[in-house]
All heavy atoms as atom14 arrays in JSON, in Angstrom:
{
  "sequence": "ARRDFQMVFQDPYGSLDPRQTIARIVAEPLTALGRMDRA",
  "atom14_mask": [
    [1, 1, 1, 1, 1, 0, 0, 0, 0, 0, 0, 0, 0, 0],
    [1, 1, 1, 1, 1, 1, 1, 1, 1, 1, 1, 0, 0, 0],
    [1, 1, 1, 1, 1, 1, 1, 1, 1, 1, 1, 0, 0, 0],
    [1, 1, 1, 1, 1, 1, 1, 1, 0, 0, 0, 0, 0, 0],
    [1, 1, 1, 1, 1, 1, 1, 1, 1, 1, 1, 0, 0, 0],
    [1, 1, 1, 1, 1, 1, 1, 1, 1, 0, 0, 0, 0, 0],
    [1, 1, 1, 1, 1, 1, 1, 1, 0, 0, 0, 0, 0, 0],
    [1, 1, 1, 1, 1, 1, 1, 0, 0, 0, 0, 0, 0, 0],
    [1, 1, 1, 1, 1, 1, 1, 1, 1, 1, 1, 0, 0, 0],
    [1, 1, 1, 1, 1, 1, 1, 1, 1, 0, 0, 0, 0, 0],
    [1, 1, 1, 1, 1, 1, 1, 1, 0, 0, 0, 0, 0, 0],
    [1, 1, 1, 1, 1, 1, 1, 0, 0, 0, 0, 0, 0, 0],
    [1, 1, 1, 1, 1, 1, 1, 1, 1, 1, 1, 1, 0, 0],
    [1, 1, 1, 1, 0, 0, 0, 0, 0, 0, 0, 0, 0, 0],
    [1, 1, 1, 1, 1, 1, 0, 0, 0, 0, 0, 0, 0, 0],
    [1, 1, 1, 1, 1, 1, 1, 1, 0, 0, 0, 0, 0, 0],
    [1, 1, 1, 1, 1, 1, 1, 1, 0, 0, 0, 0, 0, 0],
    [1, 1, 1, 1, 1, 1, 1, 0, 0, 0, 0, 0, 0, 0],
    [1, 1, 1, 1, 1, 1, 1, 1, 1, 1, 1, 0, 0, 0],
    [1, 1, 1, 1, 1, 1, 1, 1, 1, 0, 0, 0, 0, 0],
    [1, 1, 1, 1, 1, 1, 1, 0, 0, 0, 0, 0, 0, 0],
    [1, 1, 1, 1, 1, 1, 1, 1, 0, 0, 0, 0, 0, 0],
    [1, 1, 1, 1, 1, 0, 0, 0, 0, 0, 0, 0, 0, 0],
    [1, 1, 1, 1, 1, 1, 1, 1, 1, 1, 1, 0, 0, 0],
    [1, 1, 1, 1, 1, 1, 1, 1, 0, 0, 0, 0, 0, 0],
    [1, 1, 1, 1, 1, 1, 1, 0, 0, 0, 0, 0, 0, 0],
    [1, 1, 1, 1, 1, 0, 0, 0, 0, 0, 0, 0, 0, 0],
    [1, 1, 1, 1, 1, 1, 1, 1, 1, 0, 0, 0, 0, 0],
    [1, 1, 1, 1, 1, 1, 1, 0, 0, 0, 0, 0, 0, 0],
    [1, 1, 1, 1, 1, 1, 1, 1, 0, 0, 0, 0, 0, 0],
    [1, 1, 1, 1, 1, 1, 1, 0, 0, 0, 0, 0, 0, 0],
    [1, 1, 1, 1, 1, 0, 0, 0, 0, 0, 0, 0, 0, 0],
    [1, 1, 1, 1, 1, 1, 1, 1, 0, 0, 0, 0, 0, 0],
    [1, 1, 1, 1, 0, 0, 0, 0, 0, 0, 0, 0, 0, 0],
    [1, 1, 1, 1, 1, 1, 1, 1, 1, 1, 1, 0, 0, 0],
    [1, 1, 1, 1, 1, 1, 1, 1, 0, 0, 0, 0, 0, 0],
    [1, 1, 1, 1, 1, 1, 1, 1, 0, 0, 0, 0, 0, 0],
    [1, 1, 1, 1, 1, 1, 1, 1, 1, 1, 1, 0, 0, 0],
    [1, 1, 1, 1, 1, 0, 0, 0, 0, 0, 0, 0, 0, 0]
  ],
  "atom14_positions": [
    [[-37.25, -92.84, -58.12], [-37.12, -94.17, -57.55], [-35.78, -94.35, -56.87], [-35.65, -95.17, -55.94], [-37.31, -95.24, -58.63], [0.0, 0.0, 0.0], [0.0, 0.0, 0.0], [0.0, 0.0, 0.0], [0.0, 0.0, 0.0], [0.0, 0.0, 0.0], [0.0, 0.0, 0.0], [0.0, 0.0, 0.0], [0.0, 0.0, 0.0], [0.0, 0.0, 0.0]],
    [[-34.76, -93.6, -57.28], [-33.42, -93.75, -56.71], [-33.38, -93.36, -55.22], [-32.41, -93.66, -54.54], [-32.39, -92.92, -57.49], [-32.11, -93.5, -58.86], [-30.9, -92.82, -59.5], [-30.7, -93.29, -60.86], [-30.13, -94.42, -61.19], [-29.67, -95.22, -60.24], [-29.97, -94.76, -62.45], [0.0, 0.0, 0.0], [0.0, 0.0, 0.0], [0.0, 0.0, 0.0]],
    [[-34.41, -92.69, -54.73], [-34.48, -92.43, -53.3], [-34.41, -93.73, -52.5], [-33.88, -93.75, -51.38], [-35.79, -91.72, -52.98], [-36.03, -91.44, -51.49], [-37.4, -90.87, -51.23], [-37.54, -89.54, -51.83], [-37.18, -88.44, -51.21], [-36.67, -88.48, -50.0], [-37.34, -87.27, -51.78], [0.0, 0.0, 0.0], [0.0, 0.0, 0.0], [0.0, 0.0, 0.0]],
    [[-34.91, -94.82, -53.08], [-35.01, -96.1, -52.35], [-33.76, -96.97, -52.45], [-33.65, -97.96, -51.74], [-36.22, -96.91, -52.87], [-37.54, -96.24, -52.53], [-37.65, -95.65, -51.45], [-38.45, -96.29, -53.39], [0.0, 0.0, 0.0], [0.0, 0.0, 0.0], [0.0, 0.0, 0.0], [0.0, 0.0, 0.0], [0.0, 0.0, 0.0], [0.0, 0.0, 0.0]],
    [[-32.83, -96.63, -53.36], [-31.62, -97.43, -53.47], [-30.43, -96.54, -53.81], [-30.5, -95.71, -54.68], [-31.78, -98.56, -54.48], [-32.15, -98.13, -55.88], [-31.19, -98.05, -56.89], [-33.47, -97.81, -56.2], [-31.53, -97.67, -58.17], [-33.82, -97.42, -57.49], [-32.84, -97.35, -58.48], [0.0, 0.0, 0.0], [0.0, 0.0, 0.0], [0.0, 0.0, 0.0]],
    [[-29.37, -96.7, -53.05], [-28.15, -95.9, -53.21], [-26.95, -96.82, -53.24], [-27.04, -98.0, -52.94], [-28.03, -94.9, -52.05], [-29.1, -93.82, -52.05], [-28.94, -92.83, -53.18], [-27.84, -92.45, -53.55], [-30.07, -92.39, -53.74], [0.0, 0.0, 0.0], [0.0, 0.0, 0.0], [0.0, 0.0, 0.0], [0.0, 0.0, 0.0], [0.0, 0.0, 0.0]],
    [[-25.81, -96.25, -53.62], [-24.59, -97.07, -53.81], [-23.41, -96.49, -53.05], [-23.26, -95.28, -52.93], [-24.24, -97.14, -55.31], [-23.16, -98.15, -55.63], [-23.16, -98.53, -57.41], [-21.95, -99.88, -57.43], [0.0, 0.0, 0.0], [0.0, 0.0, 0.0], [0.0, 0.0, 0.0], [0.0, 0.0, 0.0], [0.0, 0.0, 0.0], [0.0, 0.0, 0.0]],
    [[-22.59, -97.4, -52.53], [-21.3, -97.04, -51.9], [-20.23, -97.68, -52.77], [-20.22, -98.9, -52.98], [-21.2, -97.57, -50.46], [-19.81, -97.27, -49.91], [-22.26, -96.89, -49.6], [0.0, 0.0, 0.0], [0.0, 0.0, 0.0], [0.0, 0.0, 0.0], [0.0, 0.0, 0.0], [0.0, 0.0, 0.0], [0.0, 0.0, 0.0], [0.0, 0.0, 0.0]],
    [[-19.31, -96.86, -53.29], [-18.29, -97.35, -54.22], [-17.06, -97.83, -53.49], [-16.84, -97.6, -52.3], [-17.95, -96.25, -55.22], [-19.09, -95.88, -56.12], [-19.94, -94.83, -55.78], [-19.33, -96.55, -57.3], [-21.01, -94.47, -56.59], [-20.39, -96.21, -58.12], [-21.23, -95.16, -57.77], [0.0, 0.0, 0.0], [0.0, 0.0, 0.0], [0.0, 0.0, 0.0]],
    [[-16.16, -98.47, -54.27], [-14.98, -99.12, -53.71], [-13.96, -98.11, -53.18], [-13.47, -98.26, -52.08], [-14.33, -99.99, -54.79], [-13.03, -100.65, -54.34], [-12.46, -101.55, -55.42], [-13.04, -101.71, -56.48], [-11.33, -102.15, -55.14], [0.0, 0.0, 0.0], [0.0, 0.0, 0.0], [0.0, 0.0, 0.0], [0.0, 0.0, 0.0], [0.0, 0.0, 0.0]],
    [[-13.67, -97.12, -53.96], [-12.6, -96.17, -53.61], [-13.19, -95.01, -52.8], [-13.89, -94.17, -53.35], [-11.94, -95.63, -54.89], [-10.77, -94.71, -54.62], [-10.52, -94.43, -53.43], [-10.13, -94.27, -55.59], [0.0, 0.0, 0.0], [0.0, 0.0, 0.0], [0.0, 0.0, 0.0], [0.0, 0.0, 0.0], [0.0, 0.0, 0.0], [0.0, 0.0, 0.0]],
    [[-12.88, -94.94, -51.51], [-13.48, -93.9, -50.67], [-12.96, -92.5, -50.98], [-13.54, -91.52, -50.51], [-13.12, -94.32, -49.25], [-11.88, -95.12, -49.42], [-11.99, -95.81, -50.74], [0.0, 0.0, 0.0], [0.0, 0.0, 0.0], [0.0, 0.0, 0.0], [0.0, 0.0, 0.0], [0.0, 0.0, 0.0], [0.0, 0.0, 0.0], [0.0, 0.0, 0.0]],
    [[-11.9, -92.38, -51.76], [-11.41, -91.04, -52.14], [-11.84, -90.7, -53.55], [-12.34, -89.59, -53.81], [-9.89, -90.97, -52.02], [-9.36, -89.55, -52.18], [-9.55, -88.62, -51.16], [-8.7, -89.15, -53.33], [-9.08, -87.33, -51.28], [-8.23, -87.87, -53.47], [-8.43, -86.94, -52.44], [-7.96, -85.66, -52.59], [0.0, 0.0, 0.0], [0.0, 0.0, 0.0]],
    [[-11.67, -91.62, -54.48], [-12.03, -91.36, -55.87], [-13.52, -91.11, -56.07], [-13.91, -90.46, -57.05], [0.0, 0.0, 0.0], [0.0, 0.0, 0.0], [0.0, 0.0, 0.0], [0.0, 0.0, 0.0], [0.0, 0.0, 0.0], [0.0, 0.0, 0.0], [0.0, 0.0, 0.0], [0.0, 0.0, 0.0], [0.0, 0.0, 0.0], [0.0, 0.0, 0.0]],
    [[-14.36, -91.63, -55.16], [-15.81, -91.43, -55.32], [-16.3, -90.1, -54.74], [-17.47, -89.78, -54.83], [-16.55, -92.58, -54.65], [-16.34, -92.61, -53.24], [0.0, 0.0, 0.0], [0.0, 0.0, 0.0], [0.0, 0.0, 0.0], [0.0, 0.0, 0.0], [0.0, 0.0, 0.0], [0.0, 0.0, 0.0], [0.0, 0.0, 0.0], [0.0, 0.0, 0.0]],
    [[-15.38, -89.34, -54.1], [-15.75, -88.04, -53.51], [-15.08, -86.91, -54.29], [-13.87, -86.96, -54.53], [-15.32, -87.98, -52.04], [-15.8, -89.12, -51.14], [-15.25, -88.91, -49.72], [-17.32, -89.21, -51.11], [0.0, 0.0, 0.0], [0.0, 0.0, 0.0], [0.0, 0.0, 0.0], [0.0, 0.0, 0.0], [0.0, 0.0, 0.0], [0.0, 0.0, 0.0]],
    [[-15.83, -85.91, -54.68], [-15.29, -84.8, -55.45], [-14.38, -83.97, -54.54], [-14.84, -83.39, -53.55], [-16.44, -83.91, -55.97], [-15.97, -82.83, -56.92], [-14.79, -82.47, -56.89], [-16.81, -82.33, -57.7], [0.0, 0.0, 0.0], [0.0, 0.0, 0.0], [0.0, 0.0, 0.0], [0.0, 0.0, 0.0], [0.0, 0.0, 0.0], [0.0, 0.0, 0.0]],
    [[-13.07, -83.92, -54.83], [-12.14, -83.21, -53.93], [-12.37, -81.71, -53.86], [-11.88, -81.04, -52.95], [-10.76, -83.51, -54.54], [-11.04, -83.8, -55.98], [-12.39, -84.46, -56.0], [0.0, 0.0, 0.0], [0.0, 0.0, 0.0], [0.0, 0.0, 0.0], [0.0, 0.0, 0.0], [0.0, 0.0, 0.0], [0.0, 0.0, 0.0], [0.0, 0.0, 0.0]],
    [[-13.15, -81.14, -54.8], [-13.39, -79.7, -54.83], [-14.62, -79.3, -54.05], [-14.88, -78.1, -53.89], [-13.51, -79.22, -56.28], [-12.26, -79.47, -57.13], [-12.58, -79.32, -58.61], [-13.59, -80.29, -59.04], [-14.04, -80.36, -60.29], [-13.62, -79.51, -61.21], [-14.95, -81.27, -60.61], [0.0, 0.0, 0.0], [0.0, 0.0, 0.0], [0.0, 0.0, 0.0]],
    [[-15.38, -80.27, -53.57], [-16.63, -79.99, -52.87], [-16.47, -80.21, -51.38], [-15.7, -81.06, -50.93], [-17.75, -80.9, -53.4], [-18.01, -80.77, -54.88], [-18.71, -79.46, -55.24], [-19.19, -78.72, -54.37], [-18.78, -79.17, -56.53], [0.0, 0.0, 0.0], [0.0, 0.0, 0.0], [0.0, 0.0, 0.0], [0.0, 0.0, 0.0], [0.0, 0.0, 0.0]],
    [[-17.2, -79.46, -50.59], [-17.22, -79.67, -49.15], [-18.0, -80.94, -48.84], [-18.79, -81.44, -49.68], [-17.88, -78.51, -48.41], [-19.26, -78.45, -48.8], [-17.17, -77.2, -48.69], [0.0, 0.0, 0.0], [0.0, 0.0, 0.0], [0.0, 0.0, 0.0], [0.0, 0.0, 0.0], [0.0, 0.0, 0.0], [0.0, 0.0, 0.0], [0.0, 0.0, 0.0]],
    [[-17.8, -81.47, -47.65], [-18.5, -82.69, -47.25], [-20.01, -82.44, -47.24], [-20.79, -83.34, -47.61], [-18.01, -83.14, -45.86], [-16.5, -83.43, -45.88], [-18.79, -84.35, -45.38], [-16.04, -84.36, -47.01], [0.0, 0.0, 0.0], [0.0, 0.0, 0.0], [0.0, 0.0, 0.0], [0.0, 0.0, 0.0], [0.0, 0.0, 0.0], [0.0, 0.0, 0.0]],
    [[-20.44, -81.26, -46.83], [-21.86, -80.94, -46.82], [-22.49, -81.09, -48.2], [-23.54, -81.69, -48.37], [-22.08, -79.53, -46.27], [0.0, 0.0, 0.0], [0.0, 0.0, 0.0], [0.0, 0.0, 0.0], [0.0, 0.0, 0.0], [0.0, 0.0, 0.0], [0.0, 0.0, 0.0], [0.0, 0.0, 0.0], [0.0, 0.0, 0.0], [0.0, 0.0, 0.0]],
    [[-21.81, -80.59, -49.22], [-22.33, -80.65, -50.58], [-22.28, -82.08, -51.13], [-23.16, -82.52, -51.84], [-21.58, -79.69, -51.5], [-21.8, -78.22, -51.14], [-21.3, -77.31, -52.22], [-22.11, -77.45, -53.46], [-21.93, -76.67, -54.51], [-21.05, -75.69, -54.51], [-22.69, -76.84, -55.58], [0.0, 0.0, 0.0], [0.0, 0.0, 0.0], [0.0, 0.0, 0.0]],
    [[-21.21, -82.8, -50.79], [-21.06, -84.18, -51.26], [-22.18, -85.06, -50.7], [-22.83, -85.82, -51.41], [-19.67, -84.72, -50.86], [-18.56, -84.07, -51.69], [-19.63, -86.25, -51.03], [-17.18, -84.39, -51.22], [0.0, 0.0, 0.0], [0.0, 0.0, 0.0], [0.0, 0.0, 0.0], [0.0, 0.0, 0.0], [0.0, 0.0, 0.0], [0.0, 0.0, 0.0]],
    [[-22.39, -84.97, -49.39], [-23.38, -85.81, -48.72], [-24.79, -85.43, -49.17], [-25.66, -86.29, -49.32], [-23.24, -85.7, -47.19], [-24.38, -86.42, -46.48], [-21.89, -86.28, -46.75], [0.0, 0.0, 0.0], [0.0, 0.0, 0.0], [0.0, 0.0, 0.0], [0.0, 0.0, 0.0], [0.0, 0.0, 0.0], [0.0, 0.0, 0.0], [0.0, 0.0, 0.0]],
    [[-25.02, -84.14, -49.41], [-26.37, -83.68, -49.77], [-26.71, -83.93, -51.23], [-27.89, -83.84, -51.61], [-26.48, -82.18, -49.47], [0.0, 0.0, 0.0], [0.0, 0.0, 0.0], [0.0, 0.0, 0.0], [0.0, 0.0, 0.0], [0.0, 0.0, 0.0], [0.0, 0.0, 0.0], [0.0, 0.0, 0.0], [0.0, 0.0, 0.0], [0.0, 0.0, 0.0]],
    [[-25.72, -84.28, -52.04], [-25.94, -84.38, -53.49], [-27.13, -85.28, -53.9], [-27.97, -84.86, -54.72], [-24.66, -84.87, -54.17], [-24.76, -84.96, -55.68], [-23.49, -85.47, -56.32], [-22.59, -85.92, -55.56], [-23.39, -85.46, -57.55], [0.0, 0.0, 0.0], [0.0, 0.0, 0.0], [0.0, 0.0, 0.0], [0.0, 0.0, 0.0], [0.0, 0.0, 0.0]],
    [[-27.28, -86.51, -53.36], [-28.41, -87.34, -53.78], [-29.76, -86.69, -53.42], [-30.74, -86.88, -54.15], [-28.23, -88.64, -53.01], [-26.77, -88.68, -52.67], [-26.38, -87.26, -52.44], [0.0, 0.0, 0.0], [0.0, 0.0, 0.0], [0.0, 0.0, 0.0], [0.0, 0.0, 0.0], [0.0, 0.0, 0.0], [0.0, 0.0, 0.0], [0.0, 0.0, 0.0]],
    [[-29.8, -85.98, -52.31], [-31.05, -85.36, -51.9], [-31.39, -84.15, -52.75], [-32.55, -83.95, -53.14], [-30.95, -84.94, -50.42], [-32.25, -84.8, -49.63], [-33.06, -86.1, -49.68], [-31.95, -84.44, -48.19], [0.0, 0.0, 0.0], [0.0, 0.0, 0.0], [0.0, 0.0, 0.0], [0.0, 0.0, 0.0], [0.0, 0.0, 0.0], [0.0, 0.0, 0.0]],
    [[-30.4, -83.35, -53.09], [-30.63, -82.18, -53.94], [-31.05, -82.6, -55.35], [-31.78, -81.88, -56.02], [-29.4, -81.26, -53.98], [-28.27, -82.03, -54.41], [-29.11, -80.67, -52.62], [0.0, 0.0, 0.0], [0.0, 0.0, 0.0], [0.0, 0.0, 0.0], [0.0, 0.0, 0.0], [0.0, 0.0, 0.0], [0.0, 0.0, 0.0], [0.0, 0.0, 0.0]],
    [[-30.57, -83.76, -55.79], [-30.93, -84.25, -57.12], [-32.41, -84.64, -57.2], [-32.99, -84.68, -58.28], [-30.07, -85.44, -57.5], [0.0, 0.0, 0.0], [0.0, 0.0, 0.0], [0.0, 0.0, 0.0], [0.0, 0.0, 0.0], [0.0, 0.0, 0.0], [0.0, 0.0, 0.0], [0.0, 0.0, 0.0], [0.0, 0.0, 0.0], [0.0, 0.0, 0.0]],
    [[-33.02, -84.92, -56.04], [-34.42, -85.31, -56.02], [-35.39, -84.14, -56.02], [-36.57, -84.3, -56.3], [-34.68, -86.21, -54.79], [-34.03, -87.59, -54.8], [-34.18, -88.24, -53.43], [-34.64, -88.45, -55.87], [0.0, 0.0, 0.0], [0.0, 0.0, 0.0], [0.0, 0.0, 0.0], [0.0, 0.0, 0.0], [0.0, 0.0, 0.0], [0.0, 0.0, 0.0]],
    [[-34.9, -82.97, -55.69], [-35.8, -81.81, -55.66], [-35.25, -80.7, -54.79], [-34.23, -80.87, -54.11], [0.0, 0.0, 0.0], [0.0, 0.0, 0.0], [0.0, 0.0, 0.0], [0.0, 0.0, 0.0], [0.0, 0.0, 0.0], [0.0, 0.0, 0.0], [0.0, 0.0, 0.0], [0.0, 0.0, 0.0], [0.0, 0.0, 0.0], [0.0, 0.0, 0.0]],
    [[-35.92, -79.57, -54.78], [-35.45, -78.41, -54.04], [-35.74, -78.57, -52.56], [-36.75, -79.11, -52.15], [-36.15, -77.16, -54.57], [-35.86, -76.85, -56.03], [-36.53, -75.59, -56.47], [-36.02, -74.41, -55.74], [-36.47, -73.19, -55.95], [-37.41, -72.95, -56.85], [-35.97, -72.17, -55.25], [0.0, 0.0, 0.0], [0.0, 0.0, 0.0], [0.0, 0.0, 0.0]],
    [[-34.78, -78.09, -51.74], [-34.91, -78.12, -50.29], [-34.15, -76.93, -49.75], [-33.07, -76.6, -50.24], [-34.35, -79.43, -49.73], [-34.47, -79.55, -48.23], [-33.89, -81.16, -47.61], [-35.14, -82.26, -48.24], [0.0, 0.0, 0.0], [0.0, 0.0, 0.0], [0.0, 0.0, 0.0], [0.0, 0.0, 0.0], [0.0, 0.0, 0.0], [0.0, 0.0, 0.0]],
    [[-34.73, -76.25, -48.78], [-34.07, -75.04, -48.27], [-32.76, -75.41, -47.58], [-32.58, -76.52, -47.06], [-34.97, -74.27, -47.32], [-35.27, -75.03, -46.05], [-34.48, -74.95, -45.11], [-36.32, -75.72, -46.02], [0.0, 0.0, 0.0], [0.0, 0.0, 0.0], [0.0, 0.0, 0.0], [0.0, 0.0, 0.0], [0.0, 0.0, 0.0], [0.0, 0.0, 0.0]],
    [[-31.82, -74.45, -47.6], [-30.45, -74.71, -47.14], [-30.38, -75.17, -45.7], [-29.63, -76.07, -45.34], [-29.6, -73.47, -47.36], [-28.11, -73.66, -47.12], [-27.34, -72.42, -47.58], [-25.9, -72.64, -47.43], [-25.22, -72.4, -46.31], [-25.85, -71.91, -45.25], [-23.92, -72.6, -46.27], [0.0, 0.0, 0.0], [0.0, 0.0, 0.0], [0.0, 0.0, 0.0]],
    [[-31.18, -74.55, -44.84], [-31.16, -74.88, -43.41], [-31.58, -76.34, -43.17], [-30.95, -77.08, -42.42], [-32.04, -73.93, -42.61], [0.0, 0.0, 0.0], [0.0, 0.0, 0.0], [0.0, 0.0, 0.0], [0.0, 0.0, 0.0], [0.0, 0.0, 0.0], [0.0, 0.0, 0.0], [0.0, 0.0, 0.0], [0.0, 0.0, 0.0], [0.0, 0.0, 0.0]]
  ]
}
């Protein structure tokens, strides 16, 4: 169900994992929903 509602947090730096690339950070909600090929 979380596919239909997402959140944007207050701190634009603290809410992003500094050890992850932007690609992995942005893709995280989608990968949590199921498998998808890398391309």
